Amino acid sequence: MSSTMSEKLCELPIATLMVLSLLIVSCSQRPADNSARAAAVNELYQTSRQAFPDVPEITIAAAAGDDSAVFVDVREPAEIVVSRIAGAISVAEFEAARSEYRDRQIVTYCTIGYRSGKYAEQLRNDGFEAYNLSGSILGWVHDRRELVDPDGKWIRRLHVYGRKWDLAPTQYETVW
C-alpha cells in the first residue's frame, strides 16, 4: 500500500512541519518593493564578505567612474550571456591575457559578491590590485546602472544565481 504525499506529511513531527513551512514561505516570497530588495542585496553582500575579510571592496560609483578599471564577471557563461556590465570580461578572457592586466585595477563581480570576492582574494594573493564590487551586479542595477546583452544592447534582463538572489529591481526580468 503506497502512501500519498499528504499522508507522509502527516507522519512528520509538528516542529519539522513548521520549519518546512517557514522555509517554503521565506524562499518563495521576494520583497515587493525596490528599497526592500536593495536592503536584502546589501544584507546578503555583507554576509558574504565574512568569507574574505581582507579583500577590499569598491563602491559602484567609484568603479563606474574609473575608466581604466578592468571589470571581470566571475559568473558562469550561462549567466553572462543573459547580460553583463558593459565592457566586462569573463574569468576565461582575463586568464587568457592575465599579464596584460598586471598593472591595472581589477574589479570583480558576480550576482551578490561571494564568488567574486573569492576570486578577488585569489588575484590579490597573485599580486593583482583586485577589488570586489560592493553588491556585485545586483547592487549595480539597484544603483540604476546599465547592463548589456551579448550584442552590446542595453537590456533589463538579469541572470541571478538562484531564487534566493531574485532581488533585482522590479523593472528587471530575472532568470536562474
Protein backbone atom coordinates (compact mmCIF):
# COMPACT_ATOMS: atom_id res chain seq x y z
CA MET A 1 0.00 0.00 0.00
CA SER A 2 1.55 3.29 -1.06
CA SER A 3 1.02 6.42 0.95
CA THR A 4 0.28 9.78 -0.59
CA MET A 5 2.38 12.89 -0.03
CA SER A 6 -0.20 14.32 2.37
CA GLU A 7 -0.17 11.09 4.41
CA LYS A 8 3.62 11.24 4.58
CA LEU A 9 3.50 14.87 5.72
CA CYS A 10 1.03 13.95 8.45
CA GLU A 11 3.58 11.48 9.83
CA LEU A 12 6.22 14.20 10.34
CA PRO A 13 6.61 15.82 13.77
CA ILE A 14 4.89 19.20 14.14
CA ALA A 15 8.21 21.03 14.63
CA THR A 16 9.52 19.66 11.33
CA LEU A 17 6.35 20.74 9.52
CA MET A 18 6.64 24.24 10.98
CA VAL A 19 10.26 24.57 9.84
CA LEU A 20 9.38 23.29 6.36
CA SER A 21 6.52 25.79 6.15
CA LEU A 22 8.75 28.69 7.14
CA LEU A 23 11.38 27.67 4.59
CA ILE A 24 8.83 27.41 1.81
CA VAL A 25 7.36 30.81 2.64
CA SER A 26 10.73 32.56 3.01
CA CYS A 27 12.09 31.07 -0.22
CA SER A 28 9.01 31.82 -2.27
CA GLN A 29 8.49 35.43 -1.25
CA ARG A 30 10.76 38.14 -2.54
CA PRO A 31 10.41 41.69 -1.32
CA ALA A 32 7.76 43.55 -3.27
CA ASP A 33 9.39 46.97 -3.47
CA ASN A 34 12.79 48.02 -4.75
CA SER A 35 14.02 49.57 -1.49
CA ALA A 36 13.36 46.31 0.37
CA ARG A 37 15.11 44.38 -2.40
CA ALA A 38 18.12 46.72 -2.29
CA ALA A 39 18.30 46.26 1.50
CA ALA A 40 18.20 42.48 1.04
CA VAL A 41 21.01 42.70 -1.53
CA ASN A 42 23.11 44.71 0.91
CA GLU A 43 22.43 42.23 3.71
CA LEU A 44 23.39 39.23 1.57
CA TYR A 45 26.52 41.01 0.35
CA GLN A 46 27.62 41.94 3.88
CA THR A 47 27.09 38.34 4.99
CA SER A 48 29.16 37.01 2.10
CA ARG A 49 32.03 39.40 2.91
CA GLN A 50 32.72 37.44 6.07
CA ALA A 51 34.31 34.72 3.89
CA PHE A 52 37.04 37.09 2.61
CA PRO A 53 37.50 39.88 5.19
CA ASP A 54 40.85 41.05 3.81
CA VAL A 55 39.61 41.71 0.28
CA PRO A 56 38.90 45.41 -0.25
CA GLU A 57 35.62 46.37 -1.82
CA ILE A 58 34.98 49.18 -4.23
CA THR A 59 31.74 51.13 -4.40
CA ILE A 60 29.71 51.11 -7.55
CA ALA A 61 30.19 54.86 -8.03
CA ALA A 62 33.98 54.59 -7.69
CA ALA A 63 34.19 51.58 -10.01
CA ALA A 64 31.90 53.13 -12.64
CA GLY A 65 33.93 56.32 -12.57
CA ASP A 66 37.27 54.59 -13.24
CA ASP A 67 37.68 54.25 -17.00
CA SER A 68 40.90 52.28 -16.58
CA ALA A 69 39.40 49.58 -14.35
CA VAL A 70 39.02 46.08 -15.75
CA PHE A 71 35.67 44.53 -14.81
CA VAL A 72 35.83 40.74 -14.51
CA ASP A 73 32.49 38.91 -14.48
CA VAL A 74 33.00 35.83 -12.32
CA ARG A 75 29.62 34.31 -13.14
CA GLU A 76 29.17 31.19 -15.26
CA PRO A 77 28.93 31.55 -19.06
CA ALA A 78 25.17 30.78 -18.93
CA GLU A 79 24.75 33.76 -16.60
CA ILE A 80 26.96 36.10 -18.61
CA VAL A 81 25.15 35.52 -21.93
CA VAL A 82 21.95 36.94 -20.43
CA SER A 83 23.57 40.28 -19.55
CA ARG A 84 26.69 41.85 -18.10
CA ILE A 85 28.20 45.17 -17.17
CA ALA A 86 29.29 46.90 -20.37
CA GLY A 87 32.94 46.24 -21.15
CA ALA A 88 33.30 43.43 -18.61
CA ILE A 89 35.29 40.34 -19.48
CA SER A 90 34.85 36.79 -18.23
CA VAL A 91 37.32 34.96 -15.99
CA ALA A 92 38.38 32.89 -19.02
CA GLU A 93 39.12 36.06 -21.00
CA PHE A 94 41.02 37.54 -18.07
CA GLU A 95 43.07 34.39 -17.51
CA ALA A 96 43.93 34.14 -21.23
CA ALA A 97 45.54 37.60 -21.13
CA ARG A 98 46.47 37.80 -17.46
CA SER A 99 49.81 39.55 -17.98
CA GLU A 100 48.12 42.41 -19.86
CA TYR A 101 46.23 43.35 -16.69
CA ARG A 102 49.11 43.19 -14.20
CA ASP A 103 49.23 46.98 -13.70
CA ARG A 104 45.50 47.64 -13.88
CA GLN A 105 42.86 47.87 -11.18
CA ILE A 106 40.68 44.73 -11.37
CA VAL A 107 37.04 44.92 -10.27
CA THR A 108 35.39 41.51 -9.82
CA TYR A 109 31.66 40.91 -9.63
CA CYS A 110 29.11 38.09 -9.66
CA THR A 111 25.46 38.03 -8.56
CA ILE A 112 25.85 39.17 -4.95
CA GLY A 113 29.61 39.22 -4.30
CA TYR A 114 30.63 35.86 -2.85
CA ARG A 115 32.17 34.23 -5.93
CA SER A 116 33.77 37.49 -7.00
CA GLY A 117 35.15 38.07 -3.50
CA LYS A 118 36.83 34.68 -3.52
CA TYR A 119 38.27 35.36 -6.98
CA ALA A 120 39.50 38.83 -5.94
CA GLU A 121 41.17 37.18 -2.95
CA GLN A 122 42.96 34.78 -5.28
CA LEU A 123 44.03 37.62 -7.58
CA ARG A 124 45.35 39.66 -4.65
CA ASN A 125 47.36 36.65 -3.50
CA ASP A 126 48.82 36.59 -7.02
CA GLY A 127 49.85 40.25 -6.76
CA PHE A 128 46.98 41.95 -8.61
CA GLU A 129 45.25 45.11 -7.41
CA ALA A 130 41.83 43.46 -7.22
CA TYR A 131 38.65 44.73 -5.58
CA ASN A 132 35.25 43.18 -5.06
CA LEU A 133 32.37 45.27 -6.39
CA SER A 134 30.12 46.17 -3.47
CA GLY A 135 26.77 44.44 -4.04
CA SER A 136 28.02 43.00 -7.33
CA ILE A 137 25.66 43.01 -10.33
CA LEU A 138 22.54 43.23 -8.14
CA GLY A 139 23.98 46.32 -6.45
CA TRP A 140 24.86 47.67 -9.89
CA VAL A 141 21.28 47.50 -11.17
CA HIS A 142 19.89 48.90 -7.92
CA ASP A 143 22.23 51.85 -8.45
CA ARG A 144 20.46 52.36 -11.80
CA ARG A 145 23.45 51.33 -13.87
CA GLU A 146 23.01 49.68 -17.24
CA LEU A 147 23.56 46.10 -18.33
CA VAL A 148 24.14 44.94 -21.88
CA ASP A 149 23.34 41.77 -23.80
CA PRO A 150 25.99 39.89 -25.86
CA ASP A 151 25.44 42.35 -28.75
CA GLY A 152 26.11 45.36 -26.50
CA LYS A 153 22.48 46.49 -26.43
CA TRP A 154 21.08 47.84 -23.19
CA ILE A 155 18.83 45.25 -21.54
CA ARG A 156 16.70 44.85 -18.41
CA ARG A 157 17.20 41.14 -18.04
CA LEU A 158 19.47 39.58 -15.46
CA HIS A 159 20.57 36.06 -14.62
CA VAL A 160 20.75 35.66 -10.86
CA TYR A 161 22.35 32.69 -9.15
CA GLY A 162 19.07 31.26 -7.86
CA ARG A 163 15.72 32.05 -6.29
CA LYS A 164 17.32 33.36 -3.09
CA TRP A 165 19.06 36.04 -5.17
CA ASP A 166 15.98 37.06 -7.15
CA LEU A 167 16.31 40.60 -5.83
CA ALA A 168 16.70 42.74 -8.94
CA PRO A 169 14.60 45.89 -9.20
CA THR A 170 11.03 45.21 -10.25
CA GLN A 171 11.57 46.55 -13.77
CA TYR A 172 14.07 43.74 -14.46
CA GLU A 173 13.23 40.30 -15.74
CA THR A 174 15.25 37.73 -13.83
CA VAL A 175 16.18 34.20 -14.78
CA TRP A 176 18.11 31.47 -12.96
